[in-house]
Amino acid sequence: MALLLLPLLLCSVLLARSHETEDLNRKIEGLRRSLDNPRLGLAQKGDLYLELATSLQKLNHLKPDGGKRIAEAERAYRCASHVRAALNATCNAMRSSAGRLWSSRAS
């Protein structure tokens, strides 16, 4: 009896993976289009790059393509890292100028 149910179980798992793969492909295409939007703020772009990278890795895990997605995910991780560094630099510059402003008012 269990041997008869095994093919049905396998088919349902493969079908679920197929739907998950299609959903991830749609999500990745949407993320790529969103990143082309010139109105995005820096923080939003960083979040989108990170989401793109993790989605590409997940899709590659479900359906390997010979490393093409991994290369794109690596680029997206780098972009997210550069965005984070730029945000940190901006925050540090603002903190520094605010500190100078407060110290000049105190004198």
C-alpha atoms as a PDB file:
ATOM      1  CA  MET A   1       0.000   0.000   0.000  1.00  0.00           C
ATOM      2  CA  ALA A   2       2.802   2.415   0.942  1.00  0.00           C
ATOM      3  CA  LEU A   3       4.534   1.768  -2.370  1.00  0.00           C
ATOM      4  CA  LEU A   4       1.386   2.818  -4.202  1.00  0.00           C
ATOM      5  CA  LEU A   5       1.220   6.111  -2.330  1.00  0.00           C
ATOM      6  CA  LEU A   6       4.877   6.958  -2.871  1.00  0.00           C
ATOM      7  CA  PRO A   7       4.475   8.068  -6.546  1.00  0.00           C
ATOM      8  CA  LEU A   8       1.527  10.276  -5.561  1.00  0.00           C
ATOM      9  CA  LEU A   9       3.544  11.857  -2.775  1.00  0.00           C
ATOM     10  CA  LEU A  10       6.501  12.413  -5.092  1.00  0.00           C
ATOM     11  CA  CYS A  11       4.269  14.040  -7.726  1.00  0.00           C
ATOM     12  CA  SER A  12       2.772  16.394  -5.163  1.00  0.00           C
ATOM     13  CA  VAL A  13       6.234  17.419  -3.916  1.00  0.00           C
ATOM     14  CA  LEU A  14       7.445  18.056  -7.472  1.00  0.00           C
ATOM     15  CA  LEU A  15       4.319  20.052  -8.275  1.00  0.00           C
ATOM     16  CA  ALA A  16       4.768  22.179  -5.159  1.00  0.00           C
ATOM     17  CA  ARG A  17       8.399  22.820  -6.100  1.00  0.00           C
ATOM     18  CA  SER A  18       7.335  23.798  -9.603  1.00  0.00           C
ATOM     19  CA  HIS A  19       4.874  26.367  -8.231  1.00  0.00           C
ATOM     20  CA  GLU A  20       7.488  27.713  -5.812  1.00  0.00           C
ATOM     21  CA  THR A  21       9.969  28.024  -8.692  1.00  0.00           C
ATOM     22  CA  GLU A  22       7.442  29.938 -10.806  1.00  0.00           C
ATOM     23  CA  ASP A  23       6.628  32.244  -7.881  1.00  0.00           C
ATOM     24  CA  LEU A  24      10.317  32.951  -7.287  1.00  0.00           C
ATOM     25  CA  ASN A  25      10.894  33.683 -10.985  1.00  0.00           C
ATOM     26  CA  ARG A  26       8.048  36.214 -10.934  1.00  0.00           C
ATOM     27  CA  LYS A  27       9.356  37.765  -7.717  1.00  0.00           C
ATOM     28  CA  ILE A  28      12.878  38.076  -9.140  1.00  0.00           C
ATOM     29  CA  GLU A  29      11.625  39.751 -12.306  1.00  0.00           C
ATOM     30  CA  GLY A  30       9.591  42.181 -10.202  1.00  0.00           C
ATOM     31  CA  LEU A  31      12.623  42.986  -8.046  1.00  0.00           C
ATOM     32  CA  ARG A  32      14.761  43.624 -11.130  1.00  0.00           C
ATOM     33  CA  ARG A  33      12.117  46.008 -12.507  1.00  0.00           C
ATOM     34  CA  SER A  34      11.819  47.760  -9.141  1.00  0.00           C
ATOM     35  CA  LEU A  35      15.578  48.337  -9.010  1.00  0.00           C
ATOM     36  CA  ASP A  36      15.356  50.208 -12.326  1.00  0.00           C
ATOM     37  CA  ASN A  37      13.084  52.810 -10.700  1.00  0.00           C
ATOM     38  CA  PRO A  38      15.072  56.073 -10.469  1.00  0.00           C
ATOM     39  CA  ARG A  39      12.828  57.367  -7.647  1.00  0.00           C
ATOM     40  CA  LEU A  40      13.959  54.732  -5.158  1.00  0.00           C
ATOM     41  CA  GLY A  41      15.784  55.916  -2.098  1.00  0.00           C
ATOM     42  CA  LEU A  42      19.147  54.457  -1.157  1.00  0.00           C
ATOM     43  CA  ALA A  43      17.785  52.410   1.754  1.00  0.00           C
ATOM     44  CA  GLN A  44      15.021  50.973  -0.427  1.00  0.00           C
ATOM     45  CA  LYS A  45      17.553  49.941  -3.059  1.00  0.00           C
ATOM     46  CA  GLY A  46      19.671  48.217  -0.450  1.00  0.00           C
ATOM     47  CA  ASP A  47      16.668  46.230   0.769  1.00  0.00           C
ATOM     48  CA  LEU A  48      15.712  45.272  -2.786  1.00  0.00           C
ATOM     49  CA  TYR A  49      19.258  44.147  -3.628  1.00  0.00           C
ATOM     50  CA  LEU A  50      19.322  41.984  -0.521  1.00  0.00           C
ATOM     51  CA  GLU A  51      15.921  40.473  -1.317  1.00  0.00           C
ATOM     52  CA  LEU A  52      17.002  39.829  -4.920  1.00  0.00           C
ATOM     53  CA  ALA A  53      20.173  38.075  -3.783  1.00  0.00           C
ATOM     54  CA  THR A  54      18.390  35.794  -1.332  1.00  0.00           C
ATOM     55  CA  SER A  55      15.630  34.997  -3.843  1.00  0.00           C
ATOM     56  CA  LEU A  56      18.216  34.085  -6.472  1.00  0.00           C
ATOM     57  CA  GLN A  57      19.973  31.786  -4.030  1.00  0.00           C
ATOM     58  CA  LYS A  58      16.706  30.121  -3.039  1.00  0.00           C
ATOM     59  CA  LEU A  59      15.759  29.602  -6.687  1.00  0.00           C
ATOM     60  CA  ASN A  60      19.196  28.185  -7.416  1.00  0.00           C
ATOM     61  CA  HIS A  61      18.734  25.745  -4.533  1.00  0.00           C
ATOM     62  CA  LEU A  62      15.381  24.595  -5.919  1.00  0.00           C
ATOM     63  CA  LYS A  63      16.469  24.479  -9.560  1.00  0.00           C
ATOM     64  CA  PRO A  64      20.237  24.830 -10.167  1.00  0.00           C
ATOM     65  CA  ASP A  65      21.201  26.534 -13.427  1.00  0.00           C
ATOM     66  CA  GLY A  66      24.950  26.028 -13.536  1.00  0.00           C
ATOM     67  CA  GLY A  67      25.895  29.052 -11.436  1.00  0.00           C
ATOM     68  CA  LYS A  68      24.366  31.927 -13.435  1.00  0.00           C
ATOM     69  CA  ARG A  69      22.033  32.890 -10.614  1.00  0.00           C
ATOM     70  CA  ILE A  70      24.806  32.633  -8.039  1.00  0.00           C
ATOM     71  CA  ALA A  71      26.904  35.164  -9.966  1.00  0.00           C
ATOM     72  CA  GLU A  72      23.965  37.568 -10.099  1.00  0.00           C
ATOM     73  CA  ALA A  73      23.225  36.972  -6.405  1.00  0.00           C
ATOM     74  CA  GLU A  74      26.853  37.779  -5.587  1.00  0.00           C
ATOM     75  CA  ARG A  75      26.597  41.060  -7.509  1.00  0.00           C
ATOM     76  CA  ALA A  76      23.362  41.894  -5.694  1.00  0.00           C
ATOM     77  CA  TYR A  77      24.965  41.167  -2.306  1.00  0.00           C
ATOM     78  CA  ARG A  78      27.873  43.468  -3.256  1.00  0.00           C
ATOM     79  CA  CYS A  79      25.469  46.228  -4.277  1.00  0.00           C
ATOM     80  CA  ALA A  80      23.580  45.846  -0.997  1.00  0.00           C
ATOM     81  CA  SER A  81      26.892  46.072   0.853  1.00  0.00           C
ATOM     82  CA  HIS A  82      27.904  49.235  -1.034  1.00  0.00           C
ATOM     83  CA  VAL A  83      24.514  50.799  -0.321  1.00  0.00           C
ATOM     84  CA  ARG A  84      24.865  49.971   3.378  1.00  0.00           C
ATOM     85  CA  ALA A  85      28.362  51.520   3.420  1.00  0.00           C
ATOM     86  CA  ALA A  86      27.060  54.676   1.734  1.00  0.00           C
ATOM     87  CA  LEU A  87      24.225  54.938   4.254  1.00  0.00           C
ATOM     88  CA  ASN A  88      26.650  54.488   7.143  1.00  0.00           C
ATOM     89  CA  ALA A  89      28.956  57.158   5.727  1.00  0.00           C
ATOM     90  CA  THR A  90      26.034  59.557   5.358  1.00  0.00           C
ATOM     91  CA  CYS A  91      24.842  58.890   8.914  1.00  0.00           C
ATOM     92  CA  ASN A  92      28.355  59.353  10.286  1.00  0.00           C
ATOM     93  CA  ALA A  93      28.765  62.640   8.418  1.00  0.00           C
ATOM     94  CA  MET A  94      25.441  63.888   9.755  1.00  0.00           C
ATOM     95  CA  ARG A  95      26.368  62.836  13.292  1.00  0.00           C
ATOM     96  CA  SER A  96      29.707  64.564  13.005  1.00  0.00           C
ATOM     97  CA  SER A  97      28.244  67.817  11.712  1.00  0.00           C
ATOM     98  CA  ALA A  98      25.515  67.711  14.372  1.00  0.00           C
ATOM     99  CA  GLY A  99      28.202  67.256  17.037  1.00  0.00           C
ATOM    100  CA  ARG A 100      30.106  70.281  15.739  1.00  0.00           C
ATOM    101  CA  LEU A 101      26.885  72.309  15.713  1.00  0.00           C
ATOM    102  CA  TRP A 102      26.072  71.455  19.320  1.00  0.00           C
ATOM    103  CA  SER A 103      29.626  72.068  20.533  1.00  0.00           C
ATOM    104  CA  SER A 104      29.731  75.490  18.838  1.00  0.00           C
ATOM    105  CA  ARG A 105      26.423  76.457  20.473  1.00  0.00           C
ATOM    106  CA  ALA A 106      27.703  75.403  23.882  1.00  0.00           C
ATOM    107  CA  SER A 107      30.696  77.731  23.676  1.00  0.00           C
END
